[in-house]
Amino acid sequence: MEFNITQDAAEGTLKLVALPGDYDAIPVVSEVDISAVPLNQHPDRLAVALCLLFGNSISGVFKMPGNGCSPHVASAIQRFLEPVAVHVFPVNTVPQRKAVGERDGQLDVGVTASRGGAEKCACAIRIGNMDQLVGSMASSDEISVSSNAGMLTIGEPSLLRKALPKIGVAVLFCEDLMIGRVLLPKEMVQQAGGEEAERLRRLLDSCALCLAWT
């Protein structure tokens, strides 16, 4: 799978495009539209986001735009997508700044009625469907954006796996809100099981994001 990223400065929108290769499955949506553009676009966070968005369709090549991600993140993506064998490139071995953040962030990805401890969080990220949320809204404590990313896991019975594409979109905005720990409703891990949650925890940890359940 080869990925292209385009943004429309006038409209304030971001488009993530997946171009399937010979061994890839065809994703339900090959173009993910997002109604806002993150100010900070760290390549490691972008790589993790693309993995969460299109992981179900990737087999063989995971081709990043630009100079690619760090070796650490490339290895984490390969482990996350096992048992499918994936080759991530390019891998940027030049030292980069680390994505930073110290705040907690509650993710509202719209796949469960629970809001966990949202009222106690320093900030919140809401990823809505395009038929439910128009445009975007942002403040120092909250961001709401719309996306068609949720279509990528239509029919998925697991709450956690169903949420992965929207979690991927949320990852793109964590640095803007200085989020270092992502909070998800605990019923997601209870339904999916500890192994699935641990796989997600390790992937997010590779790009300096902790995962917790509320």
Protein backbone atom coordinates (compact mmCIF):
# COMPACT_ATOMS: atom_id res chain seq x y z
CA MET A 1 0.00 0.00 0.00
CA GLU A 2 1.33 3.41 -0.94
CA PHE A 3 0.07 6.51 0.84
CA ASN A 4 -0.31 10.08 -0.34
CA ILE A 5 -1.24 13.07 1.81
CA THR A 6 -2.86 16.21 0.43
CA GLN A 7 -4.30 19.23 2.18
CA ASP A 8 -6.45 22.11 1.03
CA ALA A 9 -5.34 25.24 2.86
CA ALA A 10 -8.33 27.25 1.68
CA GLU A 11 -10.87 24.65 2.82
CA GLY A 12 -8.87 23.53 5.84
CA THR A 13 -9.21 19.84 4.98
CA LEU A 14 -6.83 16.88 4.93
CA LYS A 15 -7.00 13.86 2.63
CA LEU A 16 -5.18 10.57 3.25
CA VAL A 17 -5.08 8.46 0.11
CA ALA A 18 -4.27 4.73 0.01
CA LEU A 19 -3.10 3.27 -3.30
CA PRO A 20 -3.34 -0.56 -3.15
CA GLY A 21 -0.52 -2.66 -4.57
CA ASP A 22 -0.51 -6.15 -6.03
CA TYR A 23 -1.01 -7.96 -2.72
CA ASP A 24 -3.21 -5.49 -0.88
CA ALA A 25 -6.92 -5.79 -0.31
CA ILE A 26 -9.08 -2.95 -1.64
CA PRO A 27 -10.18 -0.83 1.34
CA VAL A 28 -13.84 0.12 1.64
CA VAL A 29 -12.67 3.74 1.43
CA SER A 30 -9.40 4.53 -0.32
CA GLU A 31 -9.56 8.27 0.47
CA VAL A 32 -10.06 9.35 4.07
CA ASP A 33 -11.27 12.94 4.32
CA ILE A 34 -10.74 14.93 7.52
CA SER A 35 -12.37 18.32 8.12
CA ALA A 36 -9.29 19.89 9.75
CA VAL A 37 -5.53 19.99 9.27
CA PRO A 38 -3.25 19.35 12.27
CA LEU A 39 -0.73 22.12 12.84
CA ASN A 40 1.93 19.59 13.84
CA GLN A 41 2.32 16.58 11.56
CA HIS A 42 5.00 14.37 13.09
CA PRO A 43 5.97 11.56 10.66
CA ASP A 44 5.84 8.90 13.40
CA ARG A 45 2.30 9.89 14.39
CA LEU A 46 1.32 9.95 10.72
CA ALA A 47 2.68 6.42 10.21
CA VAL A 48 0.76 5.09 13.21
CA ALA A 49 -2.40 6.83 12.02
CA LEU A 50 -2.12 5.26 8.56
CA CYS A 51 -1.58 1.85 10.15
CA LEU A 52 -4.73 2.20 12.26
CA LEU A 53 -6.73 3.48 9.30
CA PHE A 54 -5.77 1.00 6.60
CA GLY A 55 -4.21 -1.89 8.51
CA ASN A 56 -6.98 -4.32 7.53
CA SER A 57 -6.06 -3.94 3.84
CA ILE A 58 -2.24 -3.86 3.95
CA SER A 59 -0.19 -6.83 2.82
CA GLY A 60 3.44 -6.59 1.72
CA VAL A 61 4.45 -2.96 1.29
CA PHE A 62 3.68 -0.02 3.60
CA LYS A 63 5.07 2.96 1.70
CA MET A 64 5.16 6.21 3.61
CA PRO A 65 5.20 9.68 2.02
CA GLY A 66 8.27 11.89 2.41
CA ASN A 67 11.26 10.67 4.41
CA GLY A 68 9.21 8.08 6.28
CA CYS A 69 9.08 7.21 9.96
CA SER A 70 11.65 6.19 12.56
CA PRO A 71 13.00 2.61 12.78
CA HIS A 72 11.25 2.16 16.11
CA VAL A 73 7.82 3.01 14.68
CA ALA A 74 8.43 0.92 11.55
CA SER A 75 9.10 -2.12 13.77
CA ALA A 76 6.00 -1.40 15.88
CA ILE A 77 3.81 -1.25 12.76
CA GLN A 78 5.20 -4.55 11.54
CA ARG A 79 4.45 -6.18 14.90
CA PHE A 80 0.95 -4.69 15.03
CA LEU A 81 0.06 -6.09 11.61
CA GLU A 82 1.34 -9.61 12.31
CA PRO A 83 0.81 -12.34 11.17
CA VAL A 84 0.67 -10.42 7.87
CA ALA A 85 4.24 -9.71 6.74
CA VAL A 86 4.65 -5.98 6.03
CA HIS A 87 7.70 -4.01 4.91
CA VAL A 88 7.62 -0.37 6.03
CA PHE A 89 9.63 2.16 4.02
CA PRO A 90 11.22 4.59 3.77
CA VAL A 91 12.71 4.44 7.26
CA ASN A 92 14.33 7.68 8.39
CA THR A 93 17.45 6.96 10.44
CA VAL A 94 18.23 10.66 10.93
CA PRO A 95 17.49 11.71 14.55
CA GLN A 96 14.18 13.59 14.76
CA ARG A 97 12.44 15.63 17.40
CA LYS A 98 10.17 13.58 19.63
CA ALA A 99 6.44 14.14 19.56
CA VAL A 100 5.55 15.64 22.93
CA GLY A 101 2.53 15.91 25.19
CA GLU A 102 1.73 15.68 28.89
CA ARG A 103 -2.05 16.02 29.02
CA ASP A 104 -4.76 13.38 29.16
CA GLY A 105 -7.14 13.22 26.24
CA GLN A 106 -10.52 11.45 26.16
CA LEU A 107 -11.34 10.09 22.71
CA ASP A 108 -14.97 10.11 21.64
CA VAL A 109 -15.05 7.91 18.54
CA GLY A 110 -18.80 7.32 18.55
CA VAL A 111 -18.86 3.52 18.84
CA THR A 112 -20.11 3.24 22.41
CA ALA A 113 -22.48 5.18 24.63
CA SER A 114 -19.92 5.53 27.40
CA ARG A 115 -17.96 8.74 27.81
CA GLY A 116 -15.65 7.21 30.41
CA GLY A 117 -14.14 10.00 32.50
CA ALA A 118 -14.52 12.67 29.85
CA GLU A 119 -15.70 15.29 32.34
CA LYS A 120 -12.47 14.86 34.33
CA CYS A 121 -10.11 15.07 31.36
CA ALA A 122 -7.91 18.00 30.49
CA CYS A 123 -9.01 17.85 26.87
CA ALA A 124 -11.16 15.87 24.48
CA ILE A 125 -11.04 14.74 20.87
CA ARG A 126 -14.27 13.93 19.08
CA ILE A 127 -14.17 12.20 15.69
CA GLY A 128 -17.63 12.32 14.13
CA ASN A 129 -19.05 10.85 10.95
CA MET A 130 -19.59 13.28 8.10
CA ASP A 131 -23.35 12.71 8.22
CA GLN A 132 -23.39 13.70 11.90
CA LEU A 133 -20.81 16.47 12.17
CA VAL A 134 -20.08 19.21 9.65
CA GLY A 135 -16.75 21.03 9.63
CA SER A 136 -14.56 21.26 12.70
CA MET A 137 -14.25 23.07 16.00
CA ALA A 138 -11.14 23.58 18.11
CA SER A 139 -10.13 25.19 21.38
CA SER A 140 -7.25 24.70 23.79
CA ASP A 141 -9.19 21.93 25.54
CA GLU A 142 -11.18 20.26 22.78
CA ILE A 143 -11.27 19.48 19.09
CA SER A 144 -14.13 18.07 17.03
CA VAL A 145 -13.57 16.98 13.45
CA SER A 146 -15.60 15.02 10.93
CA SER A 147 -14.28 12.18 8.81
CA ASN A 148 -15.41 9.24 6.71
CA ALA A 149 -12.80 7.04 8.44
CA GLY A 150 -15.46 5.05 10.29
CA MET A 151 -16.54 3.44 7.02
CA LEU A 152 -13.29 1.43 6.96
CA THR A 153 -14.56 -0.95 9.66
CA ILE A 154 -18.23 -1.27 8.74
CA GLY A 155 -19.52 -4.62 9.98
CA GLU A 156 -16.69 -5.14 12.49
CA PRO A 157 -18.25 -6.60 15.68
CA SER A 158 -15.43 -5.64 18.06
CA LEU A 159 -15.86 -2.16 19.55
CA LEU A 160 -12.11 -1.71 19.74
CA ARG A 161 -11.37 -2.81 16.18
CA LYS A 162 -14.33 -0.79 14.95
CA ALA A 163 -12.80 2.29 16.57
CA LEU A 164 -9.26 1.88 15.17
CA PRO A 165 -9.65 4.17 12.09
CA LYS A 166 -11.09 6.99 14.20
CA ILE A 167 -8.37 6.47 16.79
CA GLY A 168 -5.95 6.87 13.87
CA VAL A 169 -7.50 10.22 12.96
CA ALA A 170 -7.34 11.33 16.59
CA VAL A 171 -3.63 10.47 16.79
CA LEU A 172 -2.97 13.14 14.16
CA PHE A 173 -4.29 15.87 16.48
CA CYS A 174 -2.80 14.76 19.81
CA GLU A 175 0.32 16.90 19.49
CA ASP A 176 -1.69 20.06 18.80
CA LEU A 177 -3.46 19.55 22.16
CA MET A 178 -0.26 18.40 23.90
CA ILE A 179 -1.85 15.02 24.65
CA GLY A 180 0.50 12.33 25.94
CA ARG A 181 -2.06 9.83 27.25
CA VAL A 182 -5.10 8.60 25.30
CA LEU A 183 -8.17 7.50 27.28
CA LEU A 184 -10.71 5.04 25.86
CA PRO A 185 -13.84 3.50 27.41
CA LYS A 186 -13.04 0.34 29.35
CA GLU A 187 -15.83 -1.67 27.70
CA MET A 188 -13.75 -1.67 24.54
CA VAL A 189 -10.98 -3.72 26.13
CA GLN A 190 -13.46 -5.87 28.06
CA GLN A 191 -15.13 -6.93 24.82
CA ALA A 192 -11.98 -7.23 22.68
CA GLY A 193 -9.77 -8.92 25.26
CA GLY A 194 -6.40 -7.99 26.70
CA GLU A 195 -4.32 -9.13 23.74
CA GLU A 196 -5.97 -6.73 21.28
CA ALA A 197 -5.66 -3.86 23.73
CA GLU A 198 -2.00 -4.66 24.37
CA ARG A 199 -1.25 -4.63 20.64
CA LEU A 200 -2.78 -1.16 20.39
CA ARG A 201 -0.93 0.00 23.50
CA ARG A 202 2.44 -1.03 22.04
CA LEU A 203 1.72 0.67 18.73
CA LEU A 204 0.72 3.97 20.35
CA ASP A 205 3.69 3.76 22.73
CA SER A 206 6.03 3.73 19.73
CA CYS A 207 4.96 7.30 18.87
CA ALA A 208 5.06 8.57 22.47
CA LEU A 209 1.38 8.07 23.31
CA CYS A 210 0.30 6.14 26.40
CA LEU A 211 -3.01 4.27 26.42
CA ALA A 212 -5.39 4.01 29.38
CA TRP A 213 -8.98 2.84 29.94
CA THR A 214 -11.67 4.72 31.85
